Amino acid sequence: MSHGLHIVCPHCDAVNRVPADRLGAGPKCGKCHRPLFTGMPIDLDAGRFEKHATRSDIPLLVDFWAAWCGPCKMMAPVFAQAAGQLEPRVRLAKVDTDRERELSAQLGIRGIPTLILFHHGQELARTSGATNLQGLISWVTAHLPG
């Protein structure tokens, strides 16, 4: 029997325990009964960010962006496509730097888009600027733990 991984629900933020070998089998949240993986990035505010970054056993890739940013707009569809390819190994999320100024300052976001890969609350890697799908997936894969 495989060990359970903690997965934070993208809908209700409940922490679920899922056997590692069942991640790809479409697990649902024990609280809200919705899918734990949707193949789409989730929107996070500071409170949700904290929970997803620290309580989940899978890495969290966050796109720090703003609505007025041209490169951010170019990056959005690439990031959405990457979610479909990287889940359930990695959760993808977006944080609007205009709405979450304190969190952005705390993390030292200087330019956008900035992508940061977190695991158990620790920053593993960061990169700034737009990229293509293959470049994004290669970068993430190179920085995954284990």
N, C-alpha and C. Protein backbone atom coordinates (compact mmCIF):
# COMPACT_ATOMS: atom_id res chain seq x y z
N MET A 1 0.84 -1.19 0.00
CA MET A 1 0.00 0.00 0.00
C MET A 1 0.88 1.25 0.00
N SER A 2 0.54 2.22 -0.83
CA SER A 2 1.36 3.43 -0.90
C SER A 2 0.94 4.41 0.21
N HIS A 3 1.87 5.29 0.54
CA HIS A 3 1.57 6.26 1.60
C HIS A 3 0.68 7.37 1.06
N GLY A 4 -0.04 8.02 1.95
CA GLY A 4 -0.95 9.08 1.54
C GLY A 4 -0.25 10.42 1.42
N LEU A 5 -0.67 11.20 0.44
CA LEU A 5 -0.15 12.55 0.26
C LEU A 5 -1.25 13.53 0.65
N HIS A 6 -0.86 14.63 1.28
CA HIS A 6 -1.82 15.68 1.59
C HIS A 6 -2.00 16.53 0.34
N ILE A 7 -3.24 16.69 -0.08
CA ILE A 7 -3.58 17.50 -1.25
C ILE A 7 -4.64 18.50 -0.81
N VAL A 8 -4.38 19.79 -1.04
CA VAL A 8 -5.34 20.83 -0.68
C VAL A 8 -6.33 20.98 -1.83
N CYS A 9 -7.61 20.95 -1.51
CA CYS A 9 -8.67 21.07 -2.53
C CYS A 9 -8.62 22.45 -3.18
N PRO A 10 -8.67 22.50 -4.53
CA PRO A 10 -8.64 23.80 -5.22
C PRO A 10 -9.96 24.56 -5.09
N HIS A 11 -11.01 23.89 -4.59
CA HIS A 11 -12.34 24.52 -4.48
C HIS A 11 -12.63 25.02 -3.08
N CYS A 12 -12.45 24.13 -2.05
CA CYS A 12 -12.84 24.50 -0.68
C CYS A 12 -11.65 24.60 0.27
N ASP A 13 -10.44 24.30 -0.23
CA ASP A 13 -9.19 24.38 0.55
C ASP A 13 -9.09 23.37 1.69
N ALA A 14 -9.94 22.34 1.68
CA ALA A 14 -9.82 21.27 2.68
C ALA A 14 -8.56 20.45 2.35
N VAL A 15 -7.89 19.96 3.38
CA VAL A 15 -6.70 19.11 3.17
C VAL A 15 -7.17 17.67 3.11
N ASN A 16 -6.86 17.00 2.00
CA ASN A 16 -7.25 15.61 1.77
C ASN A 16 -6.03 14.72 1.79
N ARG A 17 -6.20 13.48 2.21
CA ARG A 17 -5.13 12.49 2.17
C ARG A 17 -5.43 11.53 1.03
N VAL A 18 -4.51 11.47 0.05
CA VAL A 18 -4.72 10.65 -1.14
C VAL A 18 -3.53 9.70 -1.29
N PRO A 19 -3.79 8.39 -1.49
CA PRO A 19 -2.67 7.48 -1.73
C PRO A 19 -1.89 7.94 -2.96
N ALA A 20 -0.58 7.94 -2.88
CA ALA A 20 0.27 8.43 -3.97
C ALA A 20 -0.06 7.76 -5.30
N ASP A 21 -0.35 6.46 -5.26
CA ASP A 21 -0.63 5.75 -6.50
C ASP A 21 -2.04 6.02 -7.04
N ARG A 22 -2.84 6.82 -6.32
CA ARG A 22 -4.18 7.17 -6.78
C ARG A 22 -4.29 8.62 -7.28
N LEU A 23 -3.18 9.35 -7.27
CA LEU A 23 -3.22 10.76 -7.69
C LEU A 23 -3.78 10.94 -9.09
N GLY A 24 -3.39 10.05 -10.00
CA GLY A 24 -3.84 10.18 -11.38
C GLY A 24 -5.21 9.58 -11.65
N ALA A 25 -5.87 9.07 -10.63
CA ALA A 25 -7.15 8.37 -10.79
C ALA A 25 -8.36 9.28 -10.55
N GLY A 26 -8.18 10.59 -10.66
CA GLY A 26 -9.30 11.51 -10.49
C GLY A 26 -9.85 11.58 -9.08
N PRO A 27 -8.98 11.71 -8.05
CA PRO A 27 -9.49 11.76 -6.68
C PRO A 27 -10.38 12.98 -6.44
N LYS A 28 -11.36 12.81 -5.56
CA LYS A 28 -12.27 13.90 -5.22
C LYS A 28 -12.07 14.32 -3.77
N CYS A 29 -12.44 15.55 -3.46
CA CYS A 29 -12.34 16.10 -2.12
C CYS A 29 -13.33 15.41 -1.19
N GLY A 30 -12.86 15.04 0.00
CA GLY A 30 -13.73 14.42 0.98
C GLY A 30 -14.76 15.37 1.55
N LYS A 31 -14.51 16.67 1.45
CA LYS A 31 -15.42 17.66 2.03
C LYS A 31 -16.45 18.15 1.00
N CYS A 32 -15.99 18.67 -0.14
CA CYS A 32 -16.92 19.24 -1.12
C CYS A 32 -17.23 18.28 -2.28
N HIS A 33 -16.52 17.15 -2.35
CA HIS A 33 -16.74 16.10 -3.35
C HIS A 33 -16.46 16.53 -4.79
N ARG A 34 -15.72 17.62 -4.95
CA ARG A 34 -15.34 18.06 -6.30
C ARG A 34 -13.94 17.53 -6.61
N PRO A 35 -13.54 17.50 -7.89
CA PRO A 35 -12.23 16.94 -8.25
C PRO A 35 -11.07 17.72 -7.61
N LEU A 36 -10.06 16.97 -7.14
CA LEU A 36 -8.88 17.61 -6.56
C LEU A 36 -7.97 18.18 -7.63
N PHE A 37 -8.12 17.70 -8.87
CA PHE A 37 -7.31 18.21 -9.98
C PHE A 37 -8.23 18.54 -11.14
N THR A 38 -8.11 19.76 -11.64
CA THR A 38 -8.98 20.22 -12.72
C THR A 38 -8.22 20.47 -14.02
N GLY A 39 -6.88 20.41 -13.97
CA GLY A 39 -6.10 20.71 -15.16
C GLY A 39 -6.07 22.19 -15.48
N MET A 40 -6.47 23.02 -14.50
CA MET A 40 -6.47 24.48 -14.68
C MET A 40 -5.79 25.13 -13.48
N PRO A 41 -5.12 26.27 -13.70
CA PRO A 41 -4.53 27.00 -12.56
C PRO A 41 -5.65 27.51 -11.64
N ILE A 42 -5.34 27.62 -10.36
CA ILE A 42 -6.30 28.16 -9.40
C ILE A 42 -5.86 29.56 -8.99
N ASP A 43 -6.82 30.40 -8.65
CA ASP A 43 -6.51 31.76 -8.19
C ASP A 43 -6.34 31.74 -6.68
N LEU A 44 -5.26 32.34 -6.21
CA LEU A 44 -4.98 32.37 -4.78
C LEU A 44 -4.86 33.79 -4.26
N ASP A 45 -5.41 34.01 -3.06
CA ASP A 45 -5.13 35.24 -2.33
C ASP A 45 -4.09 34.85 -1.27
N ALA A 46 -3.70 35.77 -0.42
CA ALA A 46 -2.63 35.50 0.54
C ALA A 46 -2.97 34.33 1.48
N GLY A 47 -4.19 34.27 1.97
CA GLY A 47 -4.59 33.20 2.89
C GLY A 47 -4.59 31.84 2.22
N ARG A 48 -5.17 31.78 1.04
CA ARG A 48 -5.20 30.51 0.30
C ARG A 48 -3.79 30.12 -0.12
N PHE A 49 -2.98 31.09 -0.50
CA PHE A 49 -1.59 30.81 -0.90
C PHE A 49 -0.87 30.08 0.23
N GLU A 50 -1.00 30.61 1.44
CA GLU A 50 -0.32 30.03 2.60
C GLU A 50 -0.70 28.56 2.76
N LYS A 51 -1.98 28.27 2.68
CA LYS A 51 -2.45 26.89 2.87
C LYS A 51 -1.94 25.98 1.76
N HIS A 52 -2.06 26.42 0.51
CA HIS A 52 -1.63 25.58 -0.62
C HIS A 52 -0.11 25.41 -0.64
N ALA A 53 0.63 26.42 -0.23
CA ALA A 53 2.09 26.35 -0.26
C ALA A 53 2.65 25.48 0.87
N THR A 54 1.97 25.47 2.02
CA THR A 54 2.55 24.78 3.18
C THR A 54 1.90 23.45 3.53
N ARG A 55 0.64 23.23 3.17
CA ARG A 55 -0.08 22.04 3.62
C ARG A 55 -0.15 20.91 2.58
N SER A 56 0.22 21.19 1.34
CA SER A 56 0.13 20.18 0.29
C SER A 56 1.48 19.48 0.11
N ASP A 57 1.43 18.19 -0.18
CA ASP A 57 2.66 17.42 -0.39
C ASP A 57 3.14 17.45 -1.84
N ILE A 58 2.37 18.06 -2.73
CA ILE A 58 2.86 18.21 -4.10
C ILE A 58 3.36 19.65 -4.27
N PRO A 59 4.36 19.85 -5.14
CA PRO A 59 4.87 21.21 -5.35
C PRO A 59 3.78 22.15 -5.89
N LEU A 60 3.95 23.42 -5.60
CA LEU A 60 3.04 24.47 -6.04
C LEU A 60 3.81 25.44 -6.92
N LEU A 61 3.36 25.60 -8.17
CA LEU A 61 3.96 26.56 -9.09
C LEU A 61 3.04 27.76 -9.18
N VAL A 62 3.55 28.94 -8.80
CA VAL A 62 2.72 30.15 -8.77
C VAL A 62 3.19 31.15 -9.81
N ASP A 63 2.23 31.64 -10.59
CA ASP A 63 2.45 32.71 -11.56
C ASP A 63 2.00 34.01 -10.90
N PHE A 64 2.97 34.89 -10.61
CA PHE A 64 2.66 36.21 -10.06
C PHE A 64 2.49 37.14 -11.25
N TRP A 65 1.32 37.76 -11.40
CA TRP A 65 0.95 38.50 -12.60
C TRP A 65 0.11 39.71 -12.25
N ALA A 66 -0.21 40.53 -13.26
CA ALA A 66 -1.14 41.66 -13.10
C ALA A 66 -1.88 41.84 -14.42
N ALA A 67 -3.10 42.34 -14.33
CA ALA A 67 -3.97 42.48 -15.50
C ALA A 67 -3.42 43.44 -16.56
N TRP A 68 -2.65 44.44 -16.15
CA TRP A 68 -2.13 45.45 -17.08
C TRP A 68 -0.85 45.00 -17.79
N CYS A 69 -0.29 43.86 -17.41
CA CYS A 69 1.01 43.41 -17.88
C CYS A 69 0.91 42.62 -19.18
N GLY A 70 1.47 43.15 -20.27
CA GLY A 70 1.43 42.49 -21.58
C GLY A 70 2.04 41.08 -21.58
N PRO A 71 3.29 40.93 -21.09
CA PRO A 71 3.88 39.59 -21.04
C PRO A 71 3.07 38.61 -20.18
N CYS A 72 2.39 39.13 -19.14
CA CYS A 72 1.55 38.28 -18.29
C CYS A 72 0.39 37.73 -19.11
N LYS A 73 -0.20 38.58 -19.96
CA LYS A 73 -1.32 38.16 -20.80
C LYS A 73 -0.86 37.11 -21.80
N MET A 74 0.36 37.27 -22.33
CA MET A 74 0.92 36.29 -23.27
C MET A 74 1.17 34.96 -22.55
N MET A 75 1.56 35.03 -21.30
CA MET A 75 1.92 33.86 -20.52
C MET A 75 0.70 33.06 -20.05
N ALA A 76 -0.45 33.73 -19.88
CA ALA A 76 -1.64 33.09 -19.29
C ALA A 76 -2.06 31.81 -20.01
N PRO A 77 -2.21 31.79 -21.35
CA PRO A 77 -2.64 30.54 -21.98
C PRO A 77 -1.58 29.44 -21.90
N VAL A 78 -0.31 29.82 -21.91
CA VAL A 78 0.78 28.85 -21.76
C VAL A 78 0.72 28.21 -20.38
N PHE A 79 0.50 29.05 -19.36
CA PHE A 79 0.42 28.57 -17.98
C PHE A 79 -0.78 27.64 -17.81
N ALA A 80 -1.92 27.99 -18.42
CA ALA A 80 -3.11 27.15 -18.35
C ALA A 80 -2.86 25.80 -19.02
N GLN A 81 -2.19 25.79 -20.16
CA GLN A 81 -1.85 24.54 -20.84
C GLN A 81 -0.92 23.69 -19.98
N ALA A 82 0.03 24.34 -19.33
CA ALA A 82 1.00 23.63 -18.49
C ALA A 82 0.28 22.93 -17.33
N ALA A 83 -0.78 23.54 -16.80
CA ALA A 83 -1.53 22.92 -15.71
C ALA A 83 -2.07 21.57 -16.14
N GLY A 84 -2.57 21.49 -17.35
CA GLY A 84 -3.11 20.24 -17.86
C GLY A 84 -2.04 19.16 -17.99
N GLN A 85 -0.79 19.57 -18.23
CA GLN A 85 0.29 18.60 -18.40
C GLN A 85 1.01 18.27 -17.10
N LEU A 86 1.07 19.22 -16.17
CA LEU A 86 1.85 19.01 -14.94
C LEU A 86 1.04 18.40 -13.79
N GLU A 87 -0.28 18.61 -13.77
CA GLU A 87 -1.08 17.99 -12.72
C GLU A 87 -1.16 16.49 -13.00
N PRO A 88 -1.19 15.63 -11.98
CA PRO A 88 -1.27 15.91 -10.55
C PRO A 88 0.08 16.00 -9.84
N ARG A 89 1.20 16.02 -10.61
CA ARG A 89 2.53 16.10 -9.96
C ARG A 89 2.77 17.47 -9.35
N VAL A 90 2.17 18.50 -9.93
CA VAL A 90 2.38 19.89 -9.50
C VAL A 90 1.03 20.62 -9.56
N ARG A 91 0.74 21.45 -8.54
CA ARG A 91 -0.45 22.30 -8.56
C ARG A 91 -0.02 23.65 -9.13
N LEU A 92 -0.77 24.20 -10.10
CA LEU A 92 -0.47 25.50 -10.66
C LEU A 92 -1.47 26.52 -10.15
N ALA A 93 -0.96 27.70 -9.80
CA ALA A 93 -1.82 28.74 -9.24
C ALA A 93 -1.36 30.11 -9.72
N LYS A 94 -2.27 31.08 -9.64
CA LYS A 94 -1.97 32.44 -10.04
C LYS A 94 -2.26 33.38 -8.87
N VAL A 95 -1.39 34.38 -8.70
CA VAL A 95 -1.58 35.40 -7.69
C VAL A 95 -1.49 36.76 -8.39
N ASP A 96 -2.55 37.56 -8.26
CA ASP A 96 -2.61 38.90 -8.84
C ASP A 96 -1.82 39.84 -7.92
N THR A 97 -0.68 40.34 -8.42
CA THR A 97 0.20 41.16 -7.59
C THR A 97 -0.43 42.50 -7.20
N ASP A 98 -1.39 42.99 -7.99
CA ASP A 98 -2.07 44.24 -7.63
C ASP A 98 -2.99 44.03 -6.43
N ARG A 99 -3.63 42.86 -6.36
CA ARG A 99 -4.53 42.56 -5.25
C ARG A 99 -3.79 42.06 -4.02
N GLU A 100 -2.66 41.43 -4.24
CA GLU A 100 -1.90 40.83 -3.13
C GLU A 100 -0.53 41.50 -2.99
N ARG A 101 -0.56 42.81 -2.79
CA ARG A 101 0.69 43.59 -2.71
C ARG A 101 1.59 43.15 -1.55
N GLU A 102 0.99 42.87 -0.40
CA GLU A 102 1.77 42.48 0.77
C GLU A 102 2.49 41.15 0.55
N LEU A 103 1.78 40.17 0.00
CA LEU A 103 2.37 38.87 -0.29
C LEU A 103 3.48 39.02 -1.34
N SER A 104 3.23 39.81 -2.37
CA SER A 104 4.23 40.03 -3.41
C SER A 104 5.49 40.67 -2.84
N ALA A 105 5.31 41.64 -1.95
CA ALA A 105 6.46 42.30 -1.31
C ALA A 105 7.22 41.32 -0.42
N GLN A 106 6.47 40.53 0.34
CA GLN A 106 7.04 39.54 1.24
C GLN A 106 7.92 38.55 0.47
N LEU A 107 7.49 38.19 -0.74
CA LEU A 107 8.23 37.21 -1.55
C LEU A 107 9.26 37.87 -2.47
N GLY A 108 9.37 39.20 -2.41
CA GLY A 108 10.37 39.90 -3.20
C GLY A 108 10.10 39.86 -4.69
N ILE A 109 8.83 39.95 -5.08
CA ILE A 109 8.48 39.98 -6.50
C ILE A 109 8.88 41.35 -7.04
N ARG A 110 9.83 41.37 -7.98
CA ARG A 110 10.33 42.64 -8.53
C ARG A 110 9.78 42.92 -9.92
N GLY A 111 9.62 41.87 -10.72
CA GLY A 111 9.09 42.02 -12.06
C GLY A 111 8.06 40.94 -12.30
N ILE A 112 7.17 41.18 -13.28
CA ILE A 112 6.16 40.17 -13.59
C ILE A 112 6.14 39.93 -15.09
N PRO A 113 5.75 38.76 -15.54
CA PRO A 113 5.39 37.63 -14.71
C PRO A 113 6.61 37.01 -14.02
N THR A 114 6.41 36.58 -12.79
CA THR A 114 7.43 35.81 -12.06
C THR A 114 6.80 34.49 -11.67
N LEU A 115 7.51 33.40 -11.95
CA LEU A 115 7.06 32.06 -11.57
C LEU A 115 7.92 31.58 -10.43
N ILE A 116 7.28 31.09 -9.37
CA ILE A 116 8.02 30.52 -8.24
C ILE A 116 7.47 29.13 -7.97
N LEU A 117 8.39 28.18 -7.82
CA LEU A 117 8.04 26.81 -7.49
C LEU A 117 8.29 26.61 -6.00
N PHE A 118 7.24 26.21 -5.28
CA PHE A 118 7.32 25.98 -3.84
C PHE A 118 7.09 24.50 -3.53
N HIS A 119 7.68 24.03 -2.43
CA HIS A 119 7.38 22.69 -1.94
C HIS A 119 7.49 22.73 -0.43
N HIS A 120 6.42 22.32 0.26
CA HIS A 120 6.35 22.38 1.73
C HIS A 120 6.72 23.76 2.26
N GLY A 121 6.26 24.81 1.57
CA GLY A 121 6.47 26.18 2.02
C GLY A 121 7.81 26.78 1.66
N GLN A 122 8.71 25.99 1.09
CA GLN A 122 10.04 26.48 0.73
C GLN A 122 10.11 26.80 -0.76
N GLU A 123 10.77 27.89 -1.10
CA GLU A 123 10.97 28.23 -2.51
C GLU A 123 12.06 27.32 -3.08
N LEU A 124 11.73 26.63 -4.17
CA LEU A 124 12.71 25.76 -4.84
C LEU A 124 13.41 26.49 -5.98
N ALA A 125 12.65 27.32 -6.71
CA ALA A 125 13.22 28.01 -7.88
C ALA A 125 12.30 29.16 -8.27
N ARG A 126 12.89 30.14 -8.97
CA ARG A 126 12.07 31.23 -9.51
C ARG A 126 12.66 31.69 -10.83
N THR A 127 11.79 32.19 -11.68
CA THR A 127 12.21 32.74 -12.96
C THR A 127 11.24 33.87 -13.31
N SER A 128 11.72 34.86 -14.06
CA SER A 128 10.86 35.97 -14.47
C SER A 128 10.82 36.06 -15.98
N GLY A 129 9.70 36.57 -16.48
CA GLY A 129 9.53 36.74 -17.91
C GLY A 129 8.68 35.62 -18.50
N ALA A 130 8.07 35.92 -19.66
CA ALA A 130 7.22 34.94 -20.33
C ALA A 130 8.08 33.88 -21.00
N THR A 131 7.51 32.70 -21.16
CA THR A 131 8.21 31.60 -21.82
C THR A 131 7.18 30.79 -22.60
N ASN A 132 7.66 29.85 -23.41
CA ASN A 132 6.74 28.99 -24.14
C ASN A 132 6.44 27.74 -23.31
N LEU A 133 5.51 26.92 -23.78
CA LEU A 133 5.06 25.75 -23.02
C LEU A 133 6.21 24.79 -22.75
N GLN A 134 6.99 24.47 -23.77
CA GLN A 134 8.08 23.51 -23.59
C GLN A 134 9.12 24.05 -22.61
N GLY A 135 9.43 25.35 -22.73
CA GLY A 135 10.40 25.97 -21.82
C GLY A 135 9.91 25.93 -20.39
N LEU A 136 8.62 26.19 -20.19
CA LEU A 136 8.03 26.18 -18.85
C LEU A 136 8.06 24.78 -18.25
N ILE A 137 7.64 23.80 -19.02
CA ILE A 137 7.61 22.42 -18.51
C ILE A 137 9.02 21.92 -18.21
N SER A 138 9.96 22.24 -19.07
CA SER A 138 11.36 21.83 -18.84
C SER A 138 11.91 22.47 -17.56
N TRP A 139 11.62 23.76 -17.38
CA TRP A 139 12.10 24.47 -16.19
C TRP A 139 11.53 23.85 -14.92
N VAL A 140 10.22 23.61 -14.91
CA VAL A 140 9.58 23.02 -13.74
C VAL A 140 10.15 21.63 -13.46
N THR A 141 10.21 20.80 -14.49
CA THR A 141 10.68 19.43 -14.33
C THR A 141 12.11 19.40 -13.78
N ALA A 142 12.95 20.32 -14.23
CA ALA A 142 14.35 20.38 -13.77
C ALA A 142 14.45 20.74 -12.29
N HIS A 143 13.43 21.39 -11.74
CA HIS A 143 13.47 21.86 -10.36
C HIS A 143 12.59 21.08 -9.39
N LEU A 144 11.92 20.04 -9.87
CA LEU A 144 11.07 19.24 -8.98
C LEU A 144 11.92 18.49 -7.96
N PRO A 145 11.42 18.36 -6.73
CA PRO A 145 12.17 17.61 -5.72
C PRO A 145 12.18 16.11 -6.02
N GLY A 146 13.23 15.45 -5.53
CA GLY A 146 13.33 13.99 -5.64
C GLY A 146 13.50 13.55 -7.04
